[in-house]
Amino acid sequence: MKRAILIAKEKILNDLSPVLPVANYQAIAKTDNGIEALRMAQRVDPDLIICGWDIDGLNPLDLLQNLVHSHICPVILILEEKEYPNLHLAVKTNLHQIVAAPLRAADVVTAIVQAEHKFEIERKNMDEIRRLNDEIKTRKIIFQAVLILVADGLDEETAYNSLRSQAMTSRKTIKAVATEVIKGLWKP
């Protein structure tokens, strides 16, 4: 079973407890204190966090922003009817899902599935952004090295081919060879 942290008052906790096993989750921690919840989330690495709006120890917006920003797991918010005026604030935290109380089992299970899906897409997008940033940094380093070699009298194509050839000969990446050119450690 997957592990969930529940952050809410007793009423919501009681409503969630019988529903979680249906979605293949077990509650590994329950609290109504936001500060304690942040500590638990960092310590136990949960697969899901479900949070109510009425919590102690921390502003619910601060808690939700911290949880979403840390990218530990999907975060679901449960809003009771009296808390609906806070919906526009909650949406701005980029939560993975918001569920309206009173809770129905089907709504909670659906919210969990949607939150997991949204979180997975978010994770893939972040990985792609990291990969693209690394590629841009590599291209920038190679371009800088080519410019240095062009300044030394080589044409652009010859400079790039020299980097590539040295990378193959020395069994290094072209980025490593370009870095050596920038540092003045290698010249063709």
N, C-alpha and C. Protein backbone atom coordinates (compact mmCIF):
# COMPACT_ATOMS: atom_id res chain seq x y z
N MET A 1 0.83 -1.20 0.00
CA MET A 1 0.00 0.00 0.00
C MET A 1 0.86 1.25 0.00
N LYS A 2 0.33 2.28 -0.63
CA LYS A 2 1.02 3.57 -0.64
C LYS A 2 0.74 4.29 0.67
N ARG A 3 1.60 5.27 0.97
CA ARG A 3 1.53 5.95 2.28
C ARG A 3 1.04 7.38 2.13
N ALA A 4 0.12 7.75 3.03
CA ALA A 4 -0.45 9.10 3.00
C ALA A 4 -0.31 9.78 4.35
N ILE A 5 -0.12 11.10 4.29
CA ILE A 5 -0.16 11.92 5.50
C ILE A 5 -1.46 12.71 5.44
N LEU A 6 -2.21 12.69 6.53
CA LEU A 6 -3.46 13.42 6.61
C LEU A 6 -3.29 14.58 7.57
N ILE A 7 -3.62 15.78 7.11
CA ILE A 7 -3.47 16.99 7.91
C ILE A 7 -4.84 17.65 7.99
N ALA A 8 -5.55 17.40 9.06
CA ALA A 8 -6.90 17.94 9.17
C ALA A 8 -7.43 17.73 10.57
N LYS A 9 -8.60 18.31 10.81
CA LYS A 9 -9.29 18.12 12.08
C LYS A 9 -9.94 16.73 12.09
N GLU A 10 -10.36 16.30 13.27
CA GLU A 10 -10.86 14.95 13.50
C GLU A 10 -12.00 14.55 12.55
N LYS A 11 -12.91 15.45 12.27
CA LYS A 11 -14.07 15.12 11.42
C LYS A 11 -13.62 14.66 10.03
N ILE A 12 -12.72 15.42 9.42
CA ILE A 12 -12.23 15.05 8.08
C ILE A 12 -11.40 13.78 8.15
N LEU A 13 -10.59 13.64 9.20
CA LEU A 13 -9.79 12.42 9.36
C LEU A 13 -10.69 11.20 9.42
N ASN A 14 -11.78 11.30 10.15
CA ASN A 14 -12.71 10.18 10.27
C ASN A 14 -13.39 9.87 8.94
N ASP A 15 -13.67 10.90 8.15
CA ASP A 15 -14.29 10.68 6.84
C ASP A 15 -13.30 10.03 5.86
N LEU A 16 -12.02 10.38 5.96
CA LEU A 16 -11.01 9.87 5.03
C LEU A 16 -10.55 8.46 5.34
N SER A 17 -10.45 8.12 6.59
CA SER A 17 -9.86 6.83 7.00
C SER A 17 -10.44 5.61 6.29
N PRO A 18 -11.76 5.47 6.17
CA PRO A 18 -12.28 4.28 5.48
C PRO A 18 -12.12 4.33 3.96
N VAL A 19 -11.91 5.52 3.40
CA VAL A 19 -11.83 5.66 1.94
C VAL A 19 -10.42 5.37 1.41
N LEU A 20 -9.41 5.68 2.18
CA LEU A 20 -8.03 5.53 1.70
C LEU A 20 -7.68 4.11 1.22
N PRO A 21 -8.05 3.06 1.95
CA PRO A 21 -7.72 1.71 1.46
C PRO A 21 -8.32 1.39 0.08
N VAL A 22 -9.45 2.00 -0.24
CA VAL A 22 -10.06 1.79 -1.55
C VAL A 22 -9.13 2.29 -2.65
N ALA A 23 -8.39 3.34 -2.37
CA ALA A 23 -7.44 3.91 -3.33
C ALA A 23 -6.03 3.35 -3.13
N ASN A 24 -5.91 2.28 -2.36
CA ASN A 24 -4.63 1.61 -2.08
C ASN A 24 -3.67 2.49 -1.28
N TYR A 25 -4.20 3.21 -0.31
CA TYR A 25 -3.39 4.05 0.57
C TYR A 25 -3.67 3.69 2.03
N GLN A 26 -2.67 3.91 2.84
CA GLN A 26 -2.84 3.83 4.28
C GLN A 26 -2.31 5.11 4.91
N ALA A 27 -2.98 5.56 5.95
CA ALA A 27 -2.55 6.78 6.63
C ALA A 27 -1.39 6.43 7.56
N ILE A 28 -0.22 6.96 7.26
CA ILE A 28 0.95 6.68 8.10
C ILE A 28 1.12 7.73 9.18
N ALA A 29 0.46 8.88 8.98
CA ALA A 29 0.54 9.95 9.97
C ALA A 29 -0.70 10.83 9.85
N LYS A 30 -1.18 11.27 11.02
CA LYS A 30 -2.34 12.16 11.07
C LYS A 30 -2.01 13.28 12.04
N THR A 31 -2.34 14.49 11.63
CA THR A 31 -2.11 15.64 12.50
C THR A 31 -3.03 16.78 12.07
N ASP A 32 -3.22 17.73 12.96
CA ASP A 32 -3.94 18.94 12.58
C ASP A 32 -3.03 20.16 12.72
N ASN A 33 -1.72 19.90 12.86
CA ASN A 33 -0.74 20.96 13.04
C ASN A 33 0.14 21.07 11.79
N GLY A 34 0.14 22.25 11.16
CA GLY A 34 0.87 22.45 9.92
C GLY A 34 2.38 22.31 10.05
N ILE A 35 2.95 22.82 11.14
CA ILE A 35 4.40 22.73 11.33
C ILE A 35 4.81 21.27 11.51
N GLU A 36 4.06 20.55 12.29
CA GLU A 36 4.34 19.12 12.49
C GLU A 36 4.19 18.37 11.17
N ALA A 37 3.21 18.75 10.38
CA ALA A 37 2.98 18.10 9.09
C ALA A 37 4.18 18.31 8.15
N LEU A 38 4.74 19.51 8.11
CA LEU A 38 5.91 19.76 7.27
C LEU A 38 7.08 18.89 7.69
N ARG A 39 7.29 18.77 8.98
CA ARG A 39 8.38 17.91 9.48
C ARG A 39 8.15 16.45 9.06
N MET A 40 6.92 15.99 9.23
CA MET A 40 6.60 14.60 8.86
C MET A 40 6.80 14.37 7.37
N ALA A 41 6.36 15.31 6.56
CA ALA A 41 6.48 15.16 5.10
C ALA A 41 7.94 15.02 4.68
N GLN A 42 8.83 15.77 5.32
CA GLN A 42 10.26 15.68 5.00
C GLN A 42 10.87 14.39 5.51
N ARG A 43 10.38 13.91 6.64
CA ARG A 43 10.95 12.73 7.27
C ARG A 43 10.52 11.42 6.64
N VAL A 44 9.23 11.27 6.33
CA VAL A 44 8.73 9.96 5.94
C VAL A 44 8.53 9.77 4.44
N ASP A 45 8.71 10.82 3.64
CA ASP A 45 8.60 10.73 2.19
C ASP A 45 7.30 10.03 1.77
N PRO A 46 6.16 10.68 1.99
CA PRO A 46 4.87 10.05 1.68
C PRO A 46 4.59 10.00 0.18
N ASP A 47 3.58 9.21 -0.19
CA ASP A 47 3.14 9.13 -1.58
C ASP A 47 1.98 10.08 -1.86
N LEU A 48 1.37 10.61 -0.78
CA LEU A 48 0.22 11.50 -0.92
C LEU A 48 0.05 12.30 0.36
N ILE A 49 -0.38 13.55 0.20
CA ILE A 49 -0.73 14.38 1.36
C ILE A 49 -2.13 14.93 1.12
N ILE A 50 -2.99 14.72 2.10
CA ILE A 50 -4.33 15.29 2.05
C ILE A 50 -4.46 16.25 3.21
N CYS A 51 -4.87 17.47 2.89
CA CYS A 51 -4.88 18.54 3.88
C CYS A 51 -6.23 19.23 3.94
N GLY A 52 -6.68 19.53 5.15
CA GLY A 52 -7.86 20.36 5.33
C GLY A 52 -7.44 21.81 5.46
N TRP A 53 -8.40 22.72 5.38
CA TRP A 53 -8.09 24.15 5.49
C TRP A 53 -7.93 24.57 6.94
N ASP A 54 -8.70 23.98 7.82
CA ASP A 54 -8.71 24.35 9.24
C ASP A 54 -7.61 23.58 9.97
N ILE A 55 -6.42 24.18 10.03
CA ILE A 55 -5.30 23.53 10.71
C ILE A 55 -4.71 24.48 11.74
N ASP A 56 -3.91 23.94 12.63
CA ASP A 56 -3.25 24.73 13.66
C ASP A 56 -1.78 24.93 13.31
N GLY A 57 -1.15 25.91 13.97
CA GLY A 57 0.29 26.07 13.92
C GLY A 57 0.86 26.76 12.71
N LEU A 58 0.10 26.89 11.63
CA LEU A 58 0.62 27.49 10.41
C LEU A 58 -0.56 27.92 9.54
N ASN A 59 -0.39 29.00 8.82
CA ASN A 59 -1.41 29.43 7.89
C ASN A 59 -1.57 28.35 6.83
N PRO A 60 -2.80 27.94 6.49
CA PRO A 60 -2.97 26.86 5.51
C PRO A 60 -2.36 27.18 4.15
N LEU A 61 -2.38 28.44 3.73
CA LEU A 61 -1.76 28.79 2.45
C LEU A 61 -0.25 28.57 2.49
N ASP A 62 0.38 28.95 3.59
CA ASP A 62 1.83 28.74 3.73
C ASP A 62 2.16 27.25 3.70
N LEU A 63 1.36 26.46 4.41
CA LEU A 63 1.59 25.01 4.42
C LEU A 63 1.45 24.44 3.01
N LEU A 64 0.37 24.79 2.33
CA LEU A 64 0.13 24.24 1.00
C LEU A 64 1.22 24.66 0.01
N GLN A 65 1.62 25.93 0.07
CA GLN A 65 2.69 26.39 -0.82
C GLN A 65 3.99 25.64 -0.56
N ASN A 66 4.32 25.42 0.71
CA ASN A 66 5.53 24.67 1.05
C ASN A 66 5.46 23.24 0.55
N LEU A 67 4.32 22.60 0.74
CA LEU A 67 4.17 21.20 0.32
C LEU A 67 4.23 21.07 -1.19
N VAL A 68 3.55 21.94 -1.91
CA VAL A 68 3.55 21.87 -3.37
C VAL A 68 4.93 22.21 -3.91
N HIS A 69 5.56 23.23 -3.36
CA HIS A 69 6.89 23.66 -3.84
C HIS A 69 7.96 22.60 -3.59
N SER A 70 7.83 21.81 -2.54
CA SER A 70 8.85 20.80 -2.23
C SER A 70 8.78 19.59 -3.16
N HIS A 71 7.71 19.43 -3.91
CA HIS A 71 7.56 18.34 -4.89
C HIS A 71 7.81 16.96 -4.28
N ILE A 72 7.33 16.75 -3.08
CA ILE A 72 7.49 15.45 -2.43
C ILE A 72 6.50 14.45 -3.02
N CYS A 73 5.25 14.87 -3.14
CA CYS A 73 4.18 13.99 -3.59
C CYS A 73 2.97 14.83 -3.96
N PRO A 74 1.93 14.19 -4.50
CA PRO A 74 0.70 14.95 -4.79
C PRO A 74 0.08 15.50 -3.50
N VAL A 75 -0.50 16.69 -3.62
CA VAL A 75 -1.14 17.35 -2.47
C VAL A 75 -2.60 17.64 -2.83
N ILE A 76 -3.49 17.17 -1.97
CA ILE A 76 -4.93 17.38 -2.15
C ILE A 76 -5.44 18.22 -0.99
N LEU A 77 -6.29 19.18 -1.30
CA LEU A 77 -6.92 20.02 -0.29
C LEU A 77 -8.39 19.68 -0.19
N ILE A 78 -8.89 19.59 1.02
CA ILE A 78 -10.31 19.40 1.26
C ILE A 78 -10.87 20.69 1.84
N LEU A 79 -11.87 21.23 1.17
CA LEU A 79 -12.51 22.46 1.62
C LEU A 79 -13.92 22.16 2.09
N GLU A 80 -14.24 22.56 3.30
CA GLU A 80 -15.60 22.45 3.79
C GLU A 80 -16.40 23.64 3.28
N GLU A 81 -17.72 23.54 3.35
CA GLU A 81 -18.59 24.57 2.78
C GLU A 81 -18.29 25.97 3.34
N LYS A 82 -18.03 26.07 4.61
CA LYS A 82 -17.74 27.37 5.22
C LYS A 82 -16.41 27.95 4.74
N GLU A 83 -15.56 27.11 4.14
CA GLU A 83 -14.23 27.54 3.67
C GLU A 83 -14.20 27.86 2.17
N TYR A 84 -15.32 27.70 1.47
CA TYR A 84 -15.37 27.95 0.03
C TYR A 84 -14.88 29.34 -0.38
N PRO A 85 -15.07 30.39 0.44
CA PRO A 85 -14.52 31.70 0.04
C PRO A 85 -12.99 31.68 -0.14
N ASN A 86 -12.32 30.67 0.40
CA ASN A 86 -10.86 30.57 0.26
C ASN A 86 -10.44 29.81 -0.99
N LEU A 87 -11.40 29.37 -1.78
CA LEU A 87 -11.09 28.56 -2.96
C LEU A 87 -10.14 29.29 -3.91
N HIS A 88 -10.40 30.56 -4.18
CA HIS A 88 -9.54 31.30 -5.12
C HIS A 88 -8.10 31.40 -4.60
N LEU A 89 -7.92 31.46 -3.28
CA LEU A 89 -6.56 31.47 -2.71
C LEU A 89 -5.90 30.11 -2.85
N ALA A 90 -6.67 29.07 -2.60
CA ALA A 90 -6.14 27.70 -2.69
C ALA A 90 -5.70 27.36 -4.11
N VAL A 91 -6.46 27.80 -5.08
CA VAL A 91 -6.14 27.50 -6.48
C VAL A 91 -4.77 28.09 -6.86
N LYS A 92 -4.44 29.23 -6.32
CA LYS A 92 -3.17 29.91 -6.63
C LYS A 92 -1.94 29.15 -6.11
N THR A 93 -2.13 28.19 -5.22
CA THR A 93 -0.99 27.43 -4.69
C THR A 93 -0.57 26.30 -5.63
N ASN A 94 -1.32 26.09 -6.73
CA ASN A 94 -1.03 25.02 -7.69
C ASN A 94 -1.16 23.64 -7.09
N LEU A 95 -2.14 23.48 -6.23
CA LEU A 95 -2.43 22.16 -5.66
C LEU A 95 -2.70 21.16 -6.78
N HIS A 96 -2.55 19.90 -6.45
CA HIS A 96 -2.80 18.88 -7.45
C HIS A 96 -4.29 18.56 -7.57
N GLN A 97 -5.04 18.81 -6.50
CA GLN A 97 -6.49 18.58 -6.55
C GLN A 97 -7.16 19.24 -5.36
N ILE A 98 -8.39 19.69 -5.53
CA ILE A 98 -9.19 20.24 -4.45
C ILE A 98 -10.51 19.47 -4.42
N VAL A 99 -10.91 19.04 -3.22
CA VAL A 99 -12.14 18.28 -3.04
C VAL A 99 -13.05 19.06 -2.10
N ALA A 100 -14.32 19.12 -2.44
CA ALA A 100 -15.29 19.81 -1.61
C ALA A 100 -15.94 18.83 -0.63
N ALA A 101 -16.06 19.26 0.62
CA ALA A 101 -16.76 18.46 1.62
C ALA A 101 -18.23 18.83 1.56
N PRO A 102 -19.13 17.98 1.90
CA PRO A 102 -18.94 16.68 2.54
C PRO A 102 -18.33 15.67 1.56
N LEU A 103 -17.48 14.82 2.10
CA LEU A 103 -16.72 13.88 1.29
C LEU A 103 -17.56 12.66 0.91
N ARG A 104 -17.41 12.28 -0.35
CA ARG A 104 -17.96 11.02 -0.83
C ARG A 104 -16.78 10.18 -1.28
N ALA A 105 -16.86 8.89 -1.06
CA ALA A 105 -15.75 7.99 -1.38
C ALA A 105 -15.33 8.12 -2.84
N ALA A 106 -16.28 8.15 -3.74
CA ALA A 106 -15.97 8.23 -5.18
C ALA A 106 -15.22 9.52 -5.50
N ASP A 107 -15.62 10.63 -4.87
CA ASP A 107 -14.94 11.90 -5.11
C ASP A 107 -13.50 11.87 -4.62
N VAL A 108 -13.28 11.27 -3.46
CA VAL A 108 -11.93 11.20 -2.90
C VAL A 108 -11.03 10.31 -3.76
N VAL A 109 -11.54 9.15 -4.16
CA VAL A 109 -10.74 8.24 -5.00
C VAL A 109 -10.43 8.90 -6.34
N THR A 110 -11.41 9.56 -6.94
CA THR A 110 -11.19 10.27 -8.20
C THR A 110 -10.14 11.37 -8.03
N ALA A 111 -10.24 12.11 -6.95
CA ALA A 111 -9.28 13.18 -6.69
C ALA A 111 -7.87 12.64 -6.53
N ILE A 112 -7.75 11.50 -5.86
CA ILE A 112 -6.43 10.89 -5.67
C ILE A 112 -5.83 10.49 -7.01
N VAL A 113 -6.63 9.85 -7.86
CA VAL A 113 -6.14 9.43 -9.18
C VAL A 113 -5.73 10.65 -10.02
N GLN A 114 -6.55 11.69 -10.00
CA GLN A 114 -6.22 12.89 -10.77
C GLN A 114 -4.98 13.58 -10.21
N ALA A 115 -4.85 13.64 -8.90
CA ALA A 115 -3.69 14.27 -8.28
C ALA A 115 -2.41 13.51 -8.62
N GLU A 116 -2.47 12.18 -8.58
CA GLU A 116 -1.30 11.38 -8.93
C GLU A 116 -0.90 11.63 -10.38
N HIS A 117 -1.88 11.69 -11.26
CA HIS A 117 -1.60 11.93 -12.68
C HIS A 117 -0.98 13.31 -12.89
N LYS A 118 -1.57 14.32 -12.29
CA LYS A 118 -1.05 15.68 -12.43
C LYS A 118 0.38 15.77 -11.87
N PHE A 119 0.62 15.12 -10.74
CA PHE A 119 1.95 15.13 -10.13
C PHE A 119 2.97 14.46 -11.04
N GLU A 120 2.59 13.34 -11.65
CA GLU A 120 3.50 12.63 -12.55
C GLU A 120 3.84 13.48 -13.77
N ILE A 121 2.85 14.15 -14.33
CA ILE A 121 3.10 15.04 -15.47
C ILE A 121 4.03 16.17 -15.05
N GLU A 122 3.78 16.73 -13.87
CA GLU A 122 4.63 17.80 -13.33
C GLU A 122 6.08 17.33 -13.19
N ARG A 123 6.24 16.13 -12.66
CA ARG A 123 7.59 15.56 -12.47
C ARG A 123 8.29 15.36 -13.82
N LYS A 124 7.59 14.84 -14.80
CA LYS A 124 8.19 14.64 -16.13
C LYS A 124 8.57 15.97 -16.75
N ASN A 125 7.71 16.97 -16.61
CA ASN A 125 8.03 18.29 -17.15
C ASN A 125 9.25 18.90 -16.48
N MET A 126 9.36 18.73 -15.16
CA MET A 126 10.54 19.25 -14.45
C MET A 126 11.81 18.54 -14.91
N ASP A 127 11.74 17.23 -15.12
CA ASP A 127 12.90 16.48 -15.62
C ASP A 127 13.30 16.97 -17.01
N GLU A 128 12.30 17.23 -17.86
CA GLU A 128 12.58 17.72 -19.21
C GLU A 128 13.20 19.12 -19.16
N ILE A 129 12.72 19.96 -18.28
CA ILE A 129 13.28 21.31 -18.12
C ILE A 129 14.73 21.21 -17.67
N ARG A 130 15.00 20.33 -16.71
CA ARG A 130 16.40 20.15 -16.25
C ARG A 130 17.29 19.68 -17.39
N ARG A 131 16.79 18.72 -18.17
CA ARG A 131 17.57 18.18 -19.28
C ARG A 131 17.85 19.28 -20.31
N LEU A 132 16.84 20.06 -20.63
CA LEU A 132 17.01 21.14 -21.60
C LEU A 132 17.96 22.22 -21.09
N ASN A 133 17.87 22.53 -19.81
CA ASN A 133 18.80 23.50 -19.22
C ASN A 133 20.24 23.00 -19.29
N ASP A 134 20.44 21.71 -19.01
CA ASP A 134 21.78 21.13 -19.12
C ASP A 134 22.28 21.19 -20.56
N GLU A 135 21.39 20.92 -21.49
CA GLU A 135 21.77 20.97 -22.91
C GLU A 135 22.15 22.39 -23.33
N ILE A 136 21.39 23.36 -22.85
CA ILE A 136 21.71 24.75 -23.17
C ILE A 136 23.07 25.15 -22.59
N LYS A 137 23.33 24.74 -21.34
CA LYS A 137 24.63 25.04 -20.72
C LYS A 137 25.76 24.40 -21.49
N THR A 138 25.56 23.15 -21.93
CA THR A 138 26.59 22.46 -22.71
C THR A 138 26.84 23.18 -24.03
N ARG A 139 25.77 23.55 -24.71
CA ARG A 139 25.94 24.26 -25.98
C ARG A 139 26.64 25.60 -25.79
N LYS A 140 26.33 26.27 -24.70
CA LYS A 140 26.98 27.55 -24.42
C LYS A 140 28.48 27.36 -24.22
N ILE A 141 28.86 26.34 -23.47
CA ILE A 141 30.29 26.05 -23.23
C ILE A 141 30.99 25.71 -24.54
N ILE A 142 30.34 24.88 -25.36
CA ILE A 142 30.94 24.51 -26.65
C ILE A 142 31.08 25.75 -27.53
N PHE A 143 30.07 26.60 -27.55
CA PHE A 143 30.12 27.82 -28.36
C PHE A 143 31.25 28.73 -27.89
N GLN A 144 31.42 28.86 -26.58
CA GLN A 144 32.50 29.69 -26.05
C GLN A 144 33.86 29.13 -26.48
N ALA A 145 34.00 27.81 -26.42
CA ALA A 145 35.27 27.20 -26.83
C ALA A 145 35.52 27.40 -28.32
N VAL A 146 34.49 27.26 -29.12
CA VAL A 146 34.63 27.48 -30.56
C VAL A 146 35.05 28.92 -30.82
N LEU A 147 34.44 29.88 -30.11
CA LEU A 147 34.82 31.28 -30.29
C LEU A 147 36.29 31.52 -29.94
N ILE A 148 36.75 30.87 -28.88
CA ILE A 148 38.17 31.01 -28.50
C ILE A 148 39.07 30.47 -29.60
N LEU A 149 38.69 29.31 -30.15
CA LEU A 149 39.51 28.72 -31.22
C LEU A 149 39.43 29.55 -32.50
N VAL A 150 38.26 30.15 -32.78
CA VAL A 150 38.13 31.03 -33.95
C VAL A 150 39.02 32.25 -33.76
N ALA A 151 39.08 32.77 -32.54
CA ALA A 151 39.94 33.93 -32.26
C ALA A 151 41.41 33.58 -32.44
N ASP A 152 41.73 32.28 -32.27
CA ASP A 152 43.11 31.83 -32.47
C ASP A 152 43.43 31.53 -33.94
N GLY A 153 42.45 31.78 -34.84
CA GLY A 153 42.73 31.64 -36.26
C GLY A 153 42.05 30.49 -36.97
N LEU A 154 41.32 29.66 -36.29
CA LEU A 154 40.62 28.56 -36.96
C LEU A 154 39.27 29.06 -37.46
N ASP A 155 38.77 28.42 -38.52
CA ASP A 155 37.40 28.76 -38.91
C ASP A 155 36.45 27.95 -38.02
N GLU A 156 35.19 28.33 -38.02
CA GLU A 156 34.22 27.76 -37.06
C GLU A 156 34.08 26.25 -37.22
N GLU A 157 33.97 25.76 -38.44
CA GLU A 157 33.81 24.32 -38.67
C GLU A 157 35.03 23.54 -38.21
N THR A 158 36.22 24.04 -38.50
CA THR A 158 37.45 23.39 -38.08
C THR A 158 37.57 23.38 -36.56
N ALA A 159 37.19 24.48 -35.93
CA ALA A 159 37.25 24.57 -34.47
C ALA A 159 36.33 23.52 -33.84
N TYR A 160 35.11 23.43 -34.36
CA TYR A 160 34.17 22.44 -33.80
C TYR A 160 34.67 21.02 -34.04
N ASN A 161 35.16 20.76 -35.25
CA ASN A 161 35.68 19.42 -35.57
C ASN A 161 36.88 19.07 -34.70
N SER A 162 37.71 20.06 -34.36
CA SER A 162 38.85 19.82 -33.47
C SER A 162 38.37 19.41 -32.08
N LEU A 163 37.34 20.10 -31.58
CA LEU A 163 36.76 19.73 -30.28
C LEU A 163 36.23 18.31 -30.31
N ARG A 164 35.47 18.00 -31.37
CA ARG A 164 34.88 16.66 -31.49
C ARG A 164 35.95 15.59 -31.60
N SER A 165 36.96 15.85 -32.40
CA SER A 165 38.04 14.88 -32.59
C SER A 165 38.79 14.63 -31.27
N GLN A 166 39.10 15.71 -30.55
CA GLN A 166 39.80 15.58 -29.27
C GLN A 166 38.93 14.81 -28.26
N ALA A 167 37.63 15.05 -28.29
CA ALA A 167 36.72 14.35 -27.38
C ALA A 167 36.75 12.85 -27.65
N MET A 168 36.72 12.49 -28.94
CA MET A 168 36.75 11.06 -29.28
C MET A 168 38.09 10.44 -28.95
N THR A 169 39.17 11.15 -29.25
CA THR A 169 40.52 10.63 -29.00
C THR A 169 40.77 10.45 -27.50
N SER A 170 40.37 11.42 -26.72
CA SER A 170 40.64 11.38 -25.27
C SER A 170 39.54 10.67 -24.48
N ARG A 171 38.50 10.23 -25.19
CA ARG A 171 37.36 9.55 -24.55
C ARG A 171 36.70 10.41 -23.47
N LYS A 172 36.55 11.66 -23.82
CA LYS A 172 35.87 12.62 -22.95
C LYS A 172 34.65 13.14 -23.69
N THR A 173 33.81 13.82 -22.97
CA THR A 173 32.68 14.47 -23.63
C THR A 173 33.18 15.72 -24.32
N ILE A 174 32.43 16.15 -25.32
CA ILE A 174 32.81 17.39 -26.01
C ILE A 174 32.72 18.57 -25.05
N LYS A 175 31.83 18.48 -24.09
CA LYS A 175 31.71 19.53 -23.07
C LYS A 175 32.98 19.61 -22.23
N ALA A 176 33.54 18.45 -21.86
CA ALA A 176 34.76 18.43 -21.06
C ALA A 176 35.93 19.03 -21.84
N VAL A 177 36.02 18.70 -23.12
CA VAL A 177 37.10 19.25 -23.96
C VAL A 177 36.90 20.75 -24.12
N ALA A 178 35.66 21.18 -24.33
CA ALA A 178 35.38 22.61 -24.47
C ALA A 178 35.74 23.36 -23.19
N THR A 179 35.47 22.76 -22.07
CA THR A 179 35.83 23.37 -20.78
C THR A 179 37.34 23.51 -20.66
N GLU A 180 38.08 22.51 -21.13
CA GLU A 180 39.54 22.60 -21.11
C GLU A 180 40.03 23.73 -22.01
N VAL A 181 39.37 23.93 -23.14
CA VAL A 181 39.75 25.05 -24.04
C VAL A 181 39.50 26.38 -23.34
N ILE A 182 38.36 26.50 -22.69
CA ILE A 182 38.00 27.74 -22.00
C ILE A 182 39.00 28.03 -20.87
N LYS A 183 39.43 26.99 -20.17
CA LYS A 183 40.38 27.15 -19.07
C LYS A 183 41.81 27.31 -19.57
N GLY A 184 42.01 27.13 -20.86
CA GLY A 184 43.36 27.27 -21.43
C GLY A 184 44.20 26.03 -21.26
N LEU A 185 43.58 24.88 -21.01
CA LEU A 185 44.32 23.64 -20.80
C LEU A 185 44.56 22.84 -22.06
N TRP A 186 43.84 23.15 -23.12
CA TRP A 186 44.00 22.42 -24.38
C TRP A 186 43.79 23.34 -25.56
N LYS A 187 44.64 23.19 -26.56
CA LYS A 187 44.50 23.90 -27.84
C LYS A 187 44.86 22.89 -28.94
N PRO A 188 44.17 22.98 -30.08
CA PRO A 188 44.51 22.04 -31.17
C PRO A 188 45.83 22.37 -31.84
